[in-house]
Amino acid sequence: MTMLDVRNVSKHFGRLAAVSEISMQVAPGELRAIIGPNGAGKTTFFNMISGFFAPTTGDIVFDGVTVTKLPVAARVAMGMARTFQITEIFPELTVRENIRIGVESSLGLRQRFWLRARDLAVVRRGIDEAVTQAGLTSKADRLVGELSHGDQRAAEIATALTLKPRLLLLDEPTAGMGEHETYAVANLIRRLHKNSAYTIVLIEHDMRVVFNLADKITVLAEGRMLAEGTPAEIAENPAVQEAYLGKAE
């Protein structure tokens, strides 16, 4: 059984083939990393999985249901959540207030001006759960804009978790971070994967993060699948070394 089954997808922008005939299967509970040089088609591929782009050809199946033509909101409702390379949060709100938006949306309560006591209790429990999962308990009442980049990313991931995703898509979660922040966010992802059994697919440039976290790695180059395998298999693959890892050195 697969949680995500990408079947021979391609995406063309006019005459430009950004992604060409890529297939990928992700098992429930797996942590899959997608790597590749700049311009390899990683974000375009992610956009097709999450519904921001429709494939020119091919199909995307999520937990046994073909979602190729479904919009983003429908995929979210089915249990797919995504973060972005540029952190998408409200800096003028506290961590708790940002997470509350996600909790109320997931419960269908965003259009209600007043909440019943019972609904309010459920919302508070959801907020507390996400704050705890993200390791932000001591910073829950601080403005997000005052936090470090790593803590802002953790707040964004916590908000995504309020949607109760079965598939969590993380687009370069450690981008622009120093070593300490990278370590903290990588540990958060590891905890979510190991302790809560989330199925996670992430795009990442930091090879230390990739090789320490991933169960399997998919390598893209020039819009095509270059290689796929375990971290050990990818590290030993001559084509990968030439196209990506070798250049990174």
Protein backbone atom coordinates (compact mmCIF):
# COMPACT_ATOMS: atom_id res chain seq x y z
CA MET A 1 0.00 0.00 0.00
CA THR A 2 1.19 3.52 -0.78
CA MET A 3 0.29 6.84 0.81
CA LEU A 4 1.40 8.78 -2.27
CA ASP A 5 1.66 7.39 -5.78
CA VAL A 6 2.92 9.79 -8.45
CA ARG A 7 2.47 8.23 -11.85
CA ASN A 8 4.55 9.44 -14.77
CA VAL A 9 3.81 13.14 -14.28
CA SER A 10 5.07 15.89 -16.55
CA LYS A 11 4.59 19.66 -16.48
CA HIS A 12 5.10 21.87 -19.50
CA PHE A 13 5.11 25.67 -19.57
CA GLY A 14 4.75 26.34 -23.25
CA ARG A 15 7.72 24.63 -24.86
CA LEU A 16 9.57 24.30 -21.56
CA ALA A 17 9.37 20.87 -19.92
CA ALA A 18 9.90 21.70 -16.23
CA VAL A 19 9.19 18.10 -15.16
CA SER A 20 9.27 15.08 -17.44
CA GLU A 21 7.72 11.67 -16.73
CA ILE A 22 8.52 11.32 -13.02
CA SER A 23 7.05 8.50 -10.93
CA MET A 24 7.41 8.10 -7.17
CA GLN A 25 5.77 5.94 -4.52
CA VAL A 26 5.83 6.84 -0.82
CA ALA A 27 4.75 4.27 1.78
CA PRO A 28 2.72 5.17 4.89
CA GLY A 29 5.03 6.36 7.66
CA GLU A 30 7.97 6.94 5.29
CA LEU A 31 10.17 10.01 5.29
CA ARG A 32 11.16 10.76 1.70
CA ALA A 33 13.63 13.46 0.70
CA ILE A 34 13.70 15.05 -2.74
CA ILE A 35 17.03 16.58 -3.75
CA GLY A 36 18.60 17.97 -6.88
CA PRO A 37 20.46 20.99 -8.27
CA ASN A 38 18.73 24.34 -8.69
CA GLY A 39 16.40 24.14 -11.66
CA ALA A 40 15.91 20.39 -11.28
CA GLY A 41 12.11 20.75 -11.07
CA LYS A 42 11.71 20.04 -7.35
CA THR A 43 9.30 22.86 -6.52
CA THR A 44 7.28 22.28 -9.68
CA PHE A 45 7.00 18.63 -8.70
CA PHE A 46 5.88 19.63 -5.19
CA ASN A 47 3.34 22.05 -6.64
CA MET A 48 1.77 19.25 -8.65
CA ILE A 49 1.58 16.94 -5.63
CA SER A 50 -0.06 19.62 -3.47
CA GLY A 51 -2.43 20.88 -6.17
CA PHE A 52 -0.98 24.29 -7.03
CA PHE A 53 -0.12 23.08 -10.54
CA ALA A 54 -2.07 20.58 -12.62
CA PRO A 55 0.17 18.03 -14.39
CA THR A 56 0.29 18.30 -18.15
CA THR A 57 0.30 14.49 -18.22
CA GLY A 58 0.24 11.76 -15.60
CA ASP A 59 -1.68 11.13 -12.38
CA ILE A 60 -1.31 11.67 -8.65
CA VAL A 61 -2.94 9.21 -6.25
CA PHE A 62 -3.22 10.01 -2.54
CA ASP A 63 -4.12 7.16 -0.20
CA GLY A 64 -5.80 5.24 -3.03
CA VAL A 65 -7.76 8.21 -4.43
CA THR A 66 -6.81 9.92 -7.69
CA VAL A 67 -6.42 13.62 -6.86
CA THR A 68 -4.89 14.82 -10.13
CA LYS A 69 -7.72 17.26 -10.86
CA LEU A 70 -8.63 18.17 -7.27
CA PRO A 71 -7.89 21.70 -5.98
CA VAL A 72 -5.62 22.45 -3.04
CA ALA A 73 -8.47 22.76 -0.52
CA ALA A 74 -9.83 19.32 -1.40
CA ARG A 75 -6.41 17.73 -0.92
CA VAL A 76 -6.02 19.47 2.44
CA ALA A 77 -9.43 18.16 3.49
CA MET A 78 -8.26 14.65 2.58
CA GLY A 79 -5.20 14.94 4.83
CA MET A 80 -2.43 16.62 2.82
CA ALA A 81 -0.63 19.63 4.35
CA ARG A 82 2.26 21.71 3.05
CA THR A 83 4.75 24.31 4.19
CA PHE A 84 6.64 26.61 1.82
CA GLN A 85 10.24 27.60 1.22
CA ILE A 86 9.40 31.13 2.38
CA THR A 87 7.81 30.86 5.83
CA GLU A 88 4.06 31.56 5.62
CA ILE A 89 2.92 32.87 9.00
CA PHE A 90 1.47 36.04 10.53
CA PRO A 91 4.41 37.80 12.26
CA GLU A 92 2.17 40.27 14.09
CA LEU A 93 0.34 37.43 15.88
CA THR A 94 1.60 35.20 18.66
CA VAL A 95 2.54 31.57 18.11
CA ARG A 96 -0.69 30.55 19.82
CA GLU A 97 -2.79 32.90 17.65
CA ASN A 98 -1.19 31.60 14.44
CA ILE A 99 -1.89 28.03 15.47
CA ARG A 100 -5.45 28.91 16.50
CA ILE A 101 -6.18 29.94 12.90
CA GLY A 102 -5.19 26.47 11.74
CA VAL A 103 -7.16 24.72 14.48
CA GLU A 104 -10.36 26.68 13.83
CA SER A 105 -10.01 26.12 10.08
CA SER A 106 -9.59 22.38 10.53
CA LEU A 107 -12.72 22.29 12.70
CA GLY A 108 -14.77 24.42 10.30
CA LEU A 109 -15.09 27.25 12.85
CA ARG A 110 -13.37 30.12 11.02
CA GLN A 111 -16.64 31.82 10.03
CA ARG A 112 -18.01 31.95 13.58
CA PHE A 113 -17.57 35.18 15.51
CA TRP A 114 -18.45 33.58 18.84
CA LEU A 115 -17.56 30.04 19.87
CA ARG A 116 -19.53 27.92 22.27
CA ALA A 117 -17.71 26.84 25.42
CA ARG A 118 -17.49 23.29 24.12
CA ASP A 119 -15.98 24.40 20.81
CA LEU A 120 -13.59 26.76 22.58
CA ALA A 121 -12.33 23.91 24.76
CA VAL A 122 -11.66 21.78 21.67
CA VAL A 123 -9.80 24.66 20.03
CA ARG A 124 -7.63 25.17 23.12
CA ARG A 125 -6.76 21.49 23.26
CA GLY A 126 -5.79 21.55 19.59
CA ILE A 127 -3.58 24.59 20.12
CA ASP A 128 -1.87 23.06 23.15
CA GLU A 129 -1.25 19.81 21.27
CA ALA A 130 0.35 21.55 18.28
CA VAL A 131 2.44 23.84 20.50
CA THR A 132 3.74 20.83 22.41
CA GLN A 133 4.49 18.83 19.25
CA ALA A 134 6.51 21.74 17.87
CA GLY A 135 8.44 22.26 21.12
CA LEU A 136 7.21 25.85 21.43
CA THR A 137 5.50 25.75 24.82
CA SER A 138 7.79 28.35 26.38
CA LYS A 139 7.32 30.69 23.38
CA ALA A 140 3.61 30.19 22.70
CA ASP A 141 2.62 33.72 23.76
CA ARG A 142 5.40 35.56 21.95
CA LEU A 143 4.88 37.36 18.65
CA VAL A 144 6.10 35.16 15.82
CA GLY A 145 7.90 38.10 14.26
CA GLU A 146 10.14 38.31 17.34
CA LEU A 147 11.28 34.69 17.10
CA SER A 148 14.32 33.21 15.39
CA HIS A 149 13.93 31.90 11.86
CA GLY A 150 14.06 28.34 13.18
CA ASP A 151 11.27 28.96 15.69
CA GLN A 152 9.20 30.68 13.01
CA ARG A 153 9.57 27.57 10.86
CA ALA A 154 8.55 25.41 13.81
CA ALA A 155 5.45 27.60 14.26
CA GLU A 156 4.58 27.15 10.60
CA ILE A 157 4.97 23.38 10.88
CA ALA A 158 2.85 23.41 14.05
CA THR A 159 0.09 25.25 12.17
CA ALA A 160 0.23 22.64 9.41
CA LEU A 161 -0.11 19.90 12.03
CA THR A 162 -3.45 21.34 13.18
CA LEU A 163 -4.91 20.07 9.89
CA LYS A 164 -4.26 16.52 11.13
CA PRO A 165 -2.37 15.59 7.93
CA ARG A 166 -1.63 12.06 6.89
CA LEU A 167 0.92 13.45 4.45
CA LEU A 168 3.13 16.39 5.42
CA LEU A 169 4.98 18.17 2.59
CA LEU A 170 7.89 20.37 3.69
CA ASP A 171 9.52 22.65 1.13
CA GLU A 172 13.13 23.35 2.21
CA PRO A 173 12.37 23.46 5.95
CA THR A 174 15.92 24.51 6.93
CA ALA A 175 16.50 27.08 4.16
CA GLY A 176 18.46 30.12 5.29
CA MET A 177 19.23 28.78 8.76
CA GLY A 178 22.42 28.61 10.76
CA GLU A 179 23.76 25.38 12.15
CA HIS A 180 21.94 25.59 15.51
CA GLU A 181 18.56 26.35 13.93
CA THR A 182 19.04 23.67 11.29
CA TYR A 183 19.75 21.13 14.02
CA ALA A 184 16.61 22.17 15.97
CA VAL A 185 14.29 21.96 12.94
CA ALA A 186 15.80 18.65 11.83
CA ASN A 187 15.17 17.27 15.32
CA LEU A 188 11.56 18.48 15.15
CA ILE A 189 11.06 16.66 11.85
CA ARG A 190 12.70 13.54 13.28
CA ARG A 191 10.35 13.60 16.30
CA LEU A 192 7.27 14.00 14.11
CA HIS A 193 8.37 11.10 11.94
CA LYS A 194 9.47 8.69 14.65
CA ASN A 195 7.11 9.53 17.52
CA SER A 196 3.95 10.46 15.64
CA ALA A 197 4.46 8.31 12.51
CA TYR A 198 3.75 11.12 10.04
CA THR A 199 4.34 10.38 6.39
CA ILE A 200 6.70 13.18 5.33
CA VAL A 201 8.04 14.27 1.96
CA LEU A 202 10.56 17.10 2.03
CA ILE A 203 12.67 19.09 -0.39
CA GLU A 204 16.01 19.89 1.18
CA HIS A 205 19.42 21.23 0.10
CA ASP A 206 21.32 20.49 3.30
CA MET A 207 22.76 17.03 2.71
CA ARG A 208 23.43 16.52 6.42
CA VAL A 209 19.70 16.84 7.07
CA VAL A 210 18.79 14.61 4.14
CA PHE A 211 21.13 11.75 4.96
CA ASN A 212 20.34 11.83 8.68
CA LEU A 213 16.56 11.90 8.30
CA ALA A 214 15.42 10.21 5.09
CA ASP A 215 14.33 6.60 4.68
CA LYS A 216 14.61 7.02 0.91
CA ILE A 217 15.85 9.77 -1.39
CA THR A 218 14.59 10.81 -4.81
CA VAL A 219 17.09 12.72 -6.95
CA LEU A 220 15.91 15.02 -9.74
CA ALA A 221 18.06 16.63 -12.41
CA GLU A 222 16.92 18.76 -15.33
CA GLY A 223 13.28 17.88 -14.65
CA ARG A 224 13.80 14.13 -14.72
CA MET A 225 14.28 11.33 -12.22
CA LEU A 226 18.00 10.70 -11.90
CA ALA A 227 18.05 8.16 -9.06
CA GLU A 228 16.07 6.77 -6.16
CA GLY A 229 17.12 4.70 -3.18
CA THR A 230 18.27 4.59 0.41
CA PRO A 231 20.76 7.21 1.65
CA ALA A 232 23.59 4.67 1.31
CA GLU A 233 22.59 3.81 -2.27
CA ILE A 234 22.33 7.47 -3.25
CA ALA A 235 25.68 8.36 -1.67
CA GLU A 236 27.37 5.63 -3.73
CA ASN A 237 25.60 6.42 -7.00
CA PRO A 238 28.14 7.82 -9.53
CA ALA A 239 25.48 9.69 -11.52
CA VAL A 240 24.29 11.47 -8.38
CA GLN A 241 27.81 12.35 -7.35
CA GLU A 242 28.48 13.85 -10.76
CA ALA A 243 25.21 15.71 -11.12
CA TYR A 244 24.65 16.94 -7.58
CA LEU A 245 26.68 15.76 -4.62
CA GLY A 246 30.01 16.16 -6.31
CA LYS A 247 29.21 19.71 -7.35
CA ALA A 248 28.11 20.55 -3.82
CA GLU A 249 31.66 19.84 -2.65
